[in-house]
C-alpha atoms as a PDB file:
ATOM      1  CA  MET A   1     -11.540  -7.782-189.371  1.00  0.00           C
ATOM      2  CA  ALA A   2     -13.212  -5.901-186.623  1.00  0.00           C
ATOM      3  CA  ASP A   3     -15.350  -7.723-184.029  1.00  0.00           C
ATOM      4  CA  TYR A   4     -19.047  -6.873-184.408  1.00  0.00           C
ATOM      5  CA  ARG A   5     -19.106  -5.701-180.823  1.00  0.00           C
ATOM      6  CA  ASP A   6     -16.656  -2.898-181.682  1.00  0.00           C
ATOM      7  CA  SER A   7     -19.171  -0.115-181.599  1.00  0.00           C
ATOM      8  CA  ASP A   8     -16.917   2.729-182.783  1.00  0.00           C
ATOM      9  CA  TYR A   9     -16.111   0.815-186.030  1.00  0.00           C
ATOM     10  CA  TYR A  10     -19.650  -0.091-186.810  1.00  0.00           C
ATOM     11  CA  ASN A  11     -21.123   3.220-185.751  1.00  0.00           C
ATOM     12  CA  ARG A  12     -18.914   4.825-188.369  1.00  0.00           C
ATOM     13  CA  LEU A  13     -20.085   2.267-191.053  1.00  0.00           C
ATOM     14  CA  THR A  14     -23.739   2.790-190.057  1.00  0.00           C
ATOM     15  CA  ASP A  15     -23.377   6.557-190.340  1.00  0.00           C
ATOM     16  CA  ASN A  16     -22.081   6.103-193.889  1.00  0.00           C
ATOM     17  CA  LEU A  17     -24.405   3.322-194.913  1.00  0.00           C
ATOM     18  CA  LYS A  18     -26.236   3.864-198.198  1.00  0.00           C
ATOM     19  CA  GLN A  19     -29.512   2.504-199.153  1.00  0.00           C
ATOM     20  CA  ASN A  20     -29.298  -0.657-201.273  1.00  0.00           C
ATOM     21  CA  GLU A  21     -25.903  -1.504-199.780  1.00  0.00           C
ATOM     22  CA  ASN A  22     -24.890  -4.993-198.733  1.00  0.00           C
ATOM     23  CA  ILE A  23     -23.631  -5.441-195.141  1.00  0.00           C
ATOM     24  CA  SER A  24     -21.639  -8.282-193.642  1.00  0.00           C
ATOM     25  CA  TYR A  25     -22.871 -10.839-191.191  1.00  0.00           C
ATOM     26  CA  ASP A  26     -20.758  -9.078-188.506  1.00  0.00           C
ATOM     27  CA  HIS A  27     -22.277  -5.745-189.262  1.00  0.00           C
ATOM     28  CA  LEU A  28     -25.799  -7.320-189.179  1.00  0.00           C
ATOM     29  CA  MET A  29     -25.017  -8.845-185.693  1.00  0.00           C
ATOM     30  CA  PHE A  30     -23.824  -5.419-184.413  1.00  0.00           C
ATOM     31  CA  LEU A  31     -27.027  -3.784-185.564  1.00  0.00           C
ATOM     32  CA  LEU A  32     -29.146  -6.484-183.958  1.00  0.00           C
ATOM     33  CA  ASP A  33     -27.136  -6.248-180.695  1.00  0.00           C
ATOM     34  CA  GLN A  34     -27.789  -2.517-180.707  1.00  0.00           C
ATOM     35  CA  GLY A  35     -31.575  -3.147-180.953  1.00  0.00           C
ATOM     36  CA  ARG A  36     -31.980  -1.890-184.476  1.00  0.00           C
ATOM     37  CA  GLU A  37     -34.646  -2.917-186.922  1.00  0.00           C
ATOM     38  CA  ILE A  38     -33.865  -3.522-190.541  1.00  0.00           C
ATOM     39  CA  ASP A  39     -35.676  -3.481-193.865  1.00  0.00           C
ATOM     40  CA  PHE A  40     -33.886  -5.429-196.485  1.00  0.00           C
ATOM     41  CA  THR A  41     -34.501  -7.126-199.844  1.00  0.00           C
ATOM     42  CA  TYR A  42     -33.430 -10.575-200.726  1.00  0.00           C
ATOM     43  CA  LYS A  43     -33.964 -11.846-204.365  1.00  0.00           C
ATOM     44  CA  GLY A  44     -36.101  -8.731-205.028  1.00  0.00           C
ATOM     45  CA  VAL A  45     -38.448  -9.300-202.092  1.00  0.00           C
ATOM     46  CA  GLU A  46     -38.597  -6.947-199.095  1.00  0.00           C
ATOM     47  CA  TYR A  47     -38.394  -8.191-195.557  1.00  0.00           C
ATOM     48  CA  PHE A  48     -38.382  -6.518-192.169  1.00  0.00           C
ATOM     49  CA  ILE A  49     -36.503  -7.612-188.981  1.00  0.00           C
ATOM     50  CA  ASP A  50     -38.629  -6.217-186.174  1.00  0.00           C
ATOM     51  CA  HIS A  51     -37.694  -5.748-182.548  1.00  0.00           C
ATOM     52  CA  VAL A  52     -40.631  -5.603-180.182  1.00  0.00           C
ATOM     53  CA  LYS A  53     -41.264  -6.423-176.542  1.00  0.00           C
ATOM     54  CA  GLU A  54     -41.923 -10.085-177.485  1.00  0.00           C
ATOM     55  CA  GLY A  55     -38.517 -10.255-179.140  1.00  0.00           C
ATOM     56  CA  ARG A  56     -37.079 -10.257-182.647  1.00  0.00           C
ATOM     57  CA  VAL A  57     -39.094 -11.485-185.587  1.00  0.00           C
ATOM     58  CA  LEU A  58     -38.910 -11.552-189.365  1.00  0.00           C
ATOM     59  CA  TRP A  59     -41.832 -10.230-191.446  1.00  0.00           C
ATOM     60  CA  HIS A  60     -42.755 -10.156-195.148  1.00  0.00           C
ATOM     61  CA  GLN A  61     -45.553  -7.590-195.561  1.00  0.00           C
ATOM     62  CA  GLU A  62     -48.119  -8.670-192.899  1.00  0.00           C
ATOM     63  CA  HIS A  63     -46.848 -12.309-192.853  1.00  0.00           C
ATOM     64  CA  GLN A  64     -44.850 -13.360-189.785  1.00  0.00           C
ATOM     65  CA  LEU A  65     -41.993 -15.641-191.043  1.00  0.00           C
ATOM     66  CA  SER A  66     -40.399 -16.531-187.729  1.00  0.00           C
ATOM     67  CA  ASP A  67     -40.977 -17.118-184.083  1.00  0.00           C
ATOM     68  CA  TYR A  68     -40.123 -14.402-181.662  1.00  0.00           C
ATOM     69  CA  TYR A  69     -36.567 -14.544-180.238  1.00  0.00           C
ATOM     70  CA  ASP A  70     -35.585 -12.714-177.114  1.00  0.00           C
ATOM     71  CA  ASP A  71     -32.017 -11.446-176.947  1.00  0.00           C
ATOM     72  CA  ARG A  72     -30.698 -14.541-178.773  1.00  0.00           C
ATOM     73  CA  ASN A  73     -29.720 -12.753-181.978  1.00  0.00           C
ATOM     74  CA  GLU A  74     -27.291 -15.515-183.145  1.00  0.00           C
ATOM     75  CA  ALA A  75     -30.044 -18.116-182.751  1.00  0.00           C
ATOM     76  CA  PHE A  76     -32.481 -15.832-184.598  1.00  0.00           C
ATOM     77  CA  VAL A  77     -30.323 -15.456-187.669  1.00  0.00           C
ATOM     78  CA  GLU A  78     -29.209 -19.081-187.734  1.00  0.00           C
ATOM     79  CA  GLU A  79     -32.731 -20.543-187.313  1.00  0.00           C
ATOM     80  CA  THR A  80     -34.814 -18.040-189.309  1.00  0.00           C
ATOM     81  CA  LYS A  81     -34.937 -18.967-193.017  1.00  0.00           C
ATOM     82  CA  ILE A  82     -36.213 -17.494-196.186  1.00  0.00           C
ATOM     83  CA  ASN A  83     -36.832 -20.259-198.765  1.00  0.00           C
ATOM     84  CA  GLN A  84     -34.738 -22.686-196.818  1.00  0.00           C
ATOM     85  CA  VAL A  85     -31.732 -20.287-196.539  1.00  0.00           C
ATOM     86  CA  SER A  86     -30.823 -18.941-193.079  1.00  0.00           C
ATOM     87  CA  LEU A  87     -30.587 -15.189-192.479  1.00  0.00           C
ATOM     88  CA  ALA A  88     -27.094 -15.942-191.329  1.00  0.00           C
ATOM     89  CA  ASP A  89     -26.177 -17.387-194.672  1.00  0.00           C
ATOM     90  CA  ILE A  90     -27.908 -14.624-196.603  1.00  0.00           C
ATOM     91  CA  PHE A  91     -25.834 -11.987-194.831  1.00  0.00           C
ATOM     92  CA  ARG A  92     -22.610 -14.024-194.844  1.00  0.00           C
ATOM     93  CA  GLN A  93     -22.921 -14.257-198.589  1.00  0.00           C
ATOM     94  CA  ARG A  94     -23.869 -10.551-198.749  1.00  0.00           C
ATOM     95  CA  LYS A  95     -27.072 -11.323-200.720  1.00  0.00           C
ATOM     96  CA  ALA A  96     -29.349  -8.930-198.699  1.00  0.00           C
ATOM     97  CA  MET A  97     -29.658  -5.330-199.789  1.00  0.00           C
ATOM     98  CA  ILE A  98     -30.373  -2.815-197.080  1.00  0.00           C
ATOM     99  CA  VAL A  99     -33.460  -0.591-197.534  1.00  0.00           C
ATOM    100  CA  THR A 100     -33.636   1.158-194.056  1.00  0.00           C
ATOM    101  CA  ILE A 101     -32.103   0.784-190.691  1.00  0.00           C
ATOM    102  CA  TRP A 102     -34.209   2.013-187.803  1.00  0.00           C
END
């Protein structure tokens, strides 16, 4: 398996990524390390991982669901939860469907 820091590998994946596709935890981490923002659905509900000057944050519509995290992407995905399930576990289990990567 490729390391999520292998930009050539994941750039090719991102270029070919289709809407409503699942991505791996490693692919998620690569995208976050690149500063990308991600719209995804989990159990039919849409969420947005935002990246602003205050840091990374998870939103559902206008509701902020997490604290802001600076460049600690691993802490962000481990500590941020949706219905008691961490983002890390959601993506490790490939239960999130990608809507848009910005």
